[in-house]
C-alpha atoms as a PDB file:
ATOM      1  CA  MET A   1      81.207  66.702  78.570  1.00  0.00           C
ATOM      2  CA  SER A   2      84.093  68.956  77.840  1.00  0.00           C
ATOM      3  CA  LYS A   3      85.357  71.397  80.373  1.00  0.00           C
ATOM      4  CA  ARG A   4      85.698  74.985  79.211  1.00  0.00           C
ATOM      5  CA  VAL A   5      89.293  76.195  79.289  1.00  0.00           C
ATOM      6  CA  ARG A   6      89.933  79.726  80.513  1.00  0.00           C
ATOM      7  CA  PHE A   7      93.063  81.354  79.163  1.00  0.00           C
ATOM      8  CA  LEU A   8      95.326  83.704  81.074  1.00  0.00           C
ATOM      9  CA  TRP A   9      94.088  87.338  81.138  1.00  0.00           C
ATOM     10  CA  GLN A  10      90.633  86.248  80.044  1.00  0.00           C
ATOM     11  CA  SER A  11      87.854  87.848  82.070  1.00  0.00           C
ATOM     12  CA  PRO A  12      87.057  87.302  84.894  1.00  0.00           C
ATOM     13  CA  TRP A  13      90.553  87.448  86.298  1.00  0.00           C
ATOM     14  CA  GLY A  14      91.470  85.065  89.066  1.00  0.00           C
ATOM     15  CA  TYR A  15      94.426  83.903  91.126  1.00  0.00           C
ATOM     16  CA  PRO A  16      96.970  83.488  88.294  1.00  0.00           C
ATOM     17  CA  GLU A  17      96.446  87.052  87.068  1.00  0.00           C
ATOM     18  CA  SER A  18      96.482  88.356  90.624  1.00  0.00           C
ATOM     19  CA  LEU A  19      99.812  86.710  91.388  1.00  0.00           C
ATOM     20  CA  LEU A  20     101.278  87.923  88.085  1.00  0.00           C
ATOM     21  CA  ILE A  21     100.213  91.508  88.820  1.00  0.00           C
ATOM     22  CA  ALA A  22     101.521  91.476  92.398  1.00  0.00           C
ATOM     23  CA  PHE A  23     104.827  89.815  91.585  1.00  0.00           C
ATOM     24  CA  GLY A  24     105.061  92.081  88.531  1.00  0.00           C
ATOM     25  CA  PHE A  25     105.173  95.033  90.913  1.00  0.00           C
ATOM     26  CA  ILE A  26     108.027  93.329  92.760  1.00  0.00           C
ATOM     27  CA  PHE A  27     109.881  92.670  89.501  1.00  0.00           C
ATOM     28  CA  ILE A  28     109.434  96.296  88.409  1.00  0.00           C
ATOM     29  CA  GLY A  29     110.677  97.469  91.814  1.00  0.00           C
ATOM     30  CA  PHE A  30     113.816  95.339  91.614  1.00  0.00           C
ATOM     31  CA  ALA A  31     114.431  96.492  88.021  1.00  0.00           C
ATOM     32  CA  LEU A  32     114.149 100.121  89.146  1.00  0.00           C
ATOM     33  CA  GLU A  33     116.506  99.449  92.069  1.00  0.00           C
ATOM     34  CA  LEU A  34     119.076  98.027  89.636  1.00  0.00           C
ATOM     35  CA  ALA A  35     118.606 100.883  87.175  1.00  0.00           C
ATOM     36  CA  LEU A  36     118.993 103.494  89.907  1.00  0.00           C
ATOM     37  CA  GLY A  37     121.986 101.755  91.446  1.00  0.00           C
ATOM     38  CA  GLY A  38     120.397 100.994  94.799  1.00  0.00           C
ATOM     39  CA  ASN A  39     120.111 104.663  95.809  1.00  0.00           C
ATOM     40  CA  SER A  40     116.491 105.102  94.913  1.00  0.00           C
ATOM     41  CA  PHE A  41     114.373 105.968  97.886  1.00  0.00           C
ATOM     42  CA  GLN A  42     114.624 107.421 101.338  1.00  0.00           C
ATOM     43  CA  ALA A  43     112.023 107.255 104.081  1.00  0.00           C
ATOM     44  CA  ILE A  44     109.172 109.760 103.860  1.00  0.00           C
ATOM     45  CA  VAL A  45     109.350 112.106 106.848  1.00  0.00           C
ATOM     46  CA  PHE A  46     106.936 114.531 108.479  1.00  0.00           C
ATOM     47  CA  PRO A  47     105.086 116.516 107.039  1.00  0.00           C
ATOM     48  CA  LEU A  48     105.412 114.766 103.657  1.00  0.00           C
ATOM     49  CA  ASN A  49     104.067 111.521 105.118  1.00  0.00           C
ATOM     50  CA  ILE A  50     100.852 113.260 106.213  1.00  0.00           C
ATOM     51  CA  ILE A  51     100.442 114.878 102.789  1.00  0.00           C
ATOM     52  CA  ALA A  52     101.170 111.615 100.957  1.00  0.00           C
ATOM     53  CA  GLY A  53      98.716 109.769 103.188  1.00  0.00           C
ATOM     54  CA  ALA A  54      95.942 112.282 102.597  1.00  0.00           C
ATOM     55  CA  VAL A  55      96.535 112.248  98.835  1.00  0.00           C
ATOM     56  CA  PHE A  56      96.462 108.438  98.845  1.00  0.00           C
ATOM     57  CA  ILE A  57      93.161 108.292 100.745  1.00  0.00           C
ATOM     58  CA  VAL A  58      91.511 110.886  98.502  1.00  0.00           C
ATOM     59  CA  ALA A  59      92.835 109.135  95.373  1.00  0.00           C
ATOM     60  CA  ALA A  60      91.478 105.748  96.482  1.00  0.00           C
ATOM     61  CA  ILE A  61      88.057 107.240  97.203  1.00  0.00           C
ATOM     62  CA  LEU A  62      87.997 109.100  93.875  1.00  0.00           C
ATOM     63  CA  VAL A  63      89.092 106.042  91.903  1.00  0.00           C
ATOM     64  CA  TYR A  64      86.399 103.933  93.518  1.00  0.00           C
ATOM     65  CA  PHE A  65      83.571 106.398  92.932  1.00  0.00           C
ATOM     66  CA  LEU A  66      84.627 107.372  89.407  1.00  0.00           C
ATOM     67  CA  ILE A  67      85.063 103.847  88.008  1.00  0.00           C
ATOM     68  CA  ARG A  68      83.353 101.527  90.499  1.00  0.00           C
ATOM     69  CA  LYS A  69      81.389  99.729  87.783  1.00  0.00           C
ATOM     70  CA  GLY A  70      84.511  98.854  85.797  1.00  0.00           C
ATOM     71  CA  LYS A  71      86.039  95.390  85.556  1.00  0.00           C
ATOM     72  CA  GLY A  72      89.274  96.654  87.089  1.00  0.00           C
ATOM     73  CA  ILE A  73      87.587  97.760  90.302  1.00  0.00           C
ATOM     74  CA  LYS A  74      85.609  94.526  90.454  1.00  0.00           C
ATOM     75  CA  PHE A  75      88.891  92.628  90.225  1.00  0.00           C
ATOM     76  CA  LEU A  76      90.683  94.824  92.778  1.00  0.00           C
ATOM     77  CA  THR A  77      87.867  94.306  95.289  1.00  0.00           C
ATOM     78  CA  SER A  78      87.935  90.528  94.827  1.00  0.00           C
ATOM     79  CA  VAL A  79      89.513  87.841  96.985  1.00  0.00           C
ATOM     80  CA  PRO A  80      92.107  86.843  94.338  1.00  0.00           C
ATOM     81  CA  ALA A  81      93.490  90.403  94.186  1.00  0.00           C
ATOM     82  CA  SER A  82      93.794  90.480  97.971  1.00  0.00           C
ATOM     83  CA  ILE A  83      95.476  87.075  98.121  1.00  0.00           C
ATOM     84  CA  GLY A  84      97.956  88.050  95.402  1.00  0.00           C
ATOM     85  CA  ALA A  85      98.910  91.260  97.208  1.00  0.00           C
ATOM     86  CA  ILE A  86      99.261  89.473 100.558  1.00  0.00           C
ATOM     87  CA  ALA A  87     101.339  86.683  98.991  1.00  0.00           C
ATOM     88  CA  ALA A  88     103.712  89.158  97.352  1.00  0.00           C
ATOM     89  CA  LEU A  89     104.137  91.188 100.543  1.00  0.00           C
ATOM     90  CA  SER A  90     104.689  87.969 102.501  1.00  0.00           C
ATOM     91  CA  PHE A  91     107.373  86.951 100.012  1.00  0.00           C
ATOM     92  CA  LEU A  92     109.217  90.237 100.563  1.00  0.00           C
ATOM     93  CA  VAL A  93     108.883  89.899 104.341  1.00  0.00           C
ATOM     94  CA  VAL A  94     110.459  86.432 104.161  1.00  0.00           C
ATOM     95  CA  VAL A  95     113.288  87.826 102.011  1.00  0.00           C
ATOM     96  CA  MET A  96     113.708  90.626 104.557  1.00  0.00           C
ATOM     97  CA  GLY A  97     113.950  88.061 107.346  1.00  0.00           C
ATOM     98  CA  LEU A  98     116.594  86.069 105.497  1.00  0.00           C
ATOM     99  CA  THR A  99     118.838  89.025 104.619  1.00  0.00           C
ATOM    100  CA  SER A 100     120.742  91.270 106.977  1.00  0.00           C
ATOM    101  CA  GLN A 101     119.049  94.672 107.221  1.00  0.00           C
ATOM    102  CA  VAL A 102     122.141  96.800 107.740  1.00  0.00           C
ATOM    103  CA  PRO A 103     123.428  99.582 105.491  1.00  0.00           C
ATOM    104  CA  MET A 104     126.266  98.476 103.218  1.00  0.00           C
ATOM    105  CA  GLU A 105     128.604 100.656 101.252  1.00  0.00           C
ATOM    106  CA  GLY A 106     129.583  97.922  98.812  1.00  0.00           C
ATOM    107  CA  ARG A 107     128.198  97.635  95.328  1.00  0.00           C
ATOM    108  CA  ASP A 108     127.248  93.969  95.626  1.00  0.00           C
ATOM    109  CA  TRP A 109     123.940  92.646  94.322  1.00  0.00           C
ATOM    110  CA  VAL A 110     122.336  92.664  97.797  1.00  0.00           C
ATOM    111  CA  SER A 111     122.727  96.421  98.172  1.00  0.00           C
ATOM    112  CA  ARG A 112     121.982  97.134  94.499  1.00  0.00           C
ATOM    113  CA  LEU A 113     118.646  95.319  94.792  1.00  0.00           C
ATOM    114  CA  GLY A 114     117.847  97.013  98.093  1.00  0.00           C
ATOM    115  CA  LEU A 115     117.672  93.721  99.979  1.00  0.00           C
ATOM    116  CA  ASN A 116     119.641  95.174 102.894  1.00  0.00           C
ATOM    117  CA  ARG A 117     117.125  98.015 103.378  1.00  0.00           C
ATOM    118  CA  MET A 118     113.929  96.258 102.453  1.00  0.00           C
ATOM    119  CA  THR A 119     111.430  98.596 104.130  1.00  0.00           C
ATOM    120  CA  SER A 120     112.693 101.546 102.090  1.00  0.00           C
ATOM    121  CA  SER A 121     113.265  99.682  98.824  1.00  0.00           C
ATOM    122  CA  LEU A 122     111.130 100.222  95.742  1.00  0.00           C
ATOM    123  CA  PRO A 123     109.771  96.646  95.530  1.00  0.00           C
ATOM    124  CA  PHE A 124     108.515  96.904  99.108  1.00  0.00           C
ATOM    125  CA  LEU A 125     107.103 100.381  98.481  1.00  0.00           C
ATOM    126  CA  LEU A 126     105.276  99.277  95.328  1.00  0.00           C
ATOM    127  CA  ILE A 127     103.749  96.114  96.782  1.00  0.00           C
ATOM    128  CA  ASN A 128     102.850  97.900 100.028  1.00  0.00           C
ATOM    129  CA  THR A 129     101.086 100.623  98.020  1.00  0.00           C
ATOM    130  CA  TYR A 130      99.296  97.983  95.921  1.00  0.00           C
ATOM    131  CA  LEU A 131      98.138  96.140  99.051  1.00  0.00           C
ATOM    132  CA  LEU A 132      96.928  99.386 100.640  1.00  0.00           C
ATOM    133  CA  PHE A 133      95.088 100.342  97.465  1.00  0.00           C
ATOM    134  CA  VAL A 134      93.365  96.952  97.209  1.00  0.00           C
ATOM    135  CA  LEU A 135      92.486  97.027 100.903  1.00  0.00           C
ATOM    136  CA  ALA A 136      91.142 100.593 100.671  1.00  0.00           C
ATOM    137  CA  LEU A 137      88.925  99.659  97.721  1.00  0.00           C
ATOM    138  CA  VAL A 138      87.620  96.590  99.568  1.00  0.00           C
ATOM    139  CA  ILE A 139      86.764  98.701 102.624  1.00  0.00           C
ATOM    140  CA  ILE A 140      84.991 101.354 100.537  1.00  0.00           C
ATOM    141  CA  HIS A 141      83.157  98.638  98.597  1.00  0.00           C
ATOM    142  CA  LYS A 142      81.814  97.089 101.808  1.00  0.00           C
ATOM    143  CA  MET A 143      80.810 100.488 103.191  1.00  0.00           C
ATOM    144  CA  ILE A 144      78.518 101.226 100.243  1.00  0.00           C
ATOM    145  CA  PRO A 145      75.706 100.780 101.232  1.00  0.00           C
ATOM    146  CA  LEU A 146      76.464 100.865 104.930  1.00  0.00           C
ATOM    147  CA  LYS A 147      74.864  97.895 106.686  1.00  0.00           C
ATOM    148  CA  TRP A 148      75.082  96.786 110.300  1.00  0.00           C
ATOM    149  CA  LYS A 149      76.108  93.238 109.325  1.00  0.00           C
ATOM    150  CA  ASN A 150      79.246  94.583 107.582  1.00  0.00           C
ATOM    151  CA  TRP A 151      80.663  96.416 110.623  1.00  0.00           C
ATOM    152  CA  GLY A 152      82.856  93.526 111.765  1.00  0.00           C
ATOM    153  CA  PHE A 153      84.375  93.184 108.301  1.00  0.00           C
ATOM    154  CA  ILE A 154      84.842  96.941 107.934  1.00  0.00           C
ATOM    155  CA  CYS A 155      86.429  97.399 111.380  1.00  0.00           C
ATOM    156  CA  SER A 156      88.847  94.487 111.014  1.00  0.00           C
ATOM    157  CA  HIS A 157      89.951  95.497 107.533  1.00  0.00           C
ATOM    158  CA  LEU A 158      90.162  99.167 108.479  1.00  0.00           C
ATOM    159  CA  GLY A 159      92.344  98.239 111.448  1.00  0.00           C
ATOM    160  CA  LEU A 160      94.642  96.249 109.158  1.00  0.00           C
ATOM    161  CA  TRP A 161      94.728  99.131 106.681  1.00  0.00           C
ATOM    162  CA  ILE A 162      95.617 101.668 109.404  1.00  0.00           C
ATOM    163  CA  THR A 163      98.372  99.386 110.728  1.00  0.00           C
ATOM    164  CA  VAL A 164      99.997  98.806 107.332  1.00  0.00           C
ATOM    165  CA  PHE A 165      99.504 102.450 106.356  1.00  0.00           C
ATOM    166  CA  ALA A 166     101.019 103.812 109.556  1.00  0.00           C
ATOM    167  CA  ALA A 167     103.954 101.375 109.365  1.00  0.00           C
ATOM    168  CA  GLY A 168     104.628 102.351 105.751  1.00  0.00           C
ATOM    169  CA  LEU A 169     104.437 106.095 106.269  1.00  0.00           C
ATOM    170  CA  GLY A 170     105.627 106.264 109.861  1.00  0.00           C
END
């Protein structure tokens, strides 16, 4: 009996593709930080944070309802997509814990990559947005159709989503 070999990027996607996508966002964020010289992004302040939050929520709902039968949405609402996003965010949190989070005026590689201001750097912004998007799609997916047995799942994931969302836009 021969075991069937599944190649990378062959449907259905799993953990390898999920990790490549999530860490790809981090790589793109660091590349943008380098290209922009480490002066890429400032914190979103009121009222722009409220507007950005509302646009994000509406966009997630629209994306889900417009293409919910697609393979992309099926992947984004799967466990591997969630694990990949959580692993990538955890990686950045560990990097944040290991580097000093103080503003530097120097042009060293730490400041050029945004490692000294991790919560406002592009890699953190991209992976945080990806995690929120995946989490929002999972919540919407479990809410349709609304069943009593799903309330624990919905409430716990919605609480996590609100926490990460408020921390990112606060």
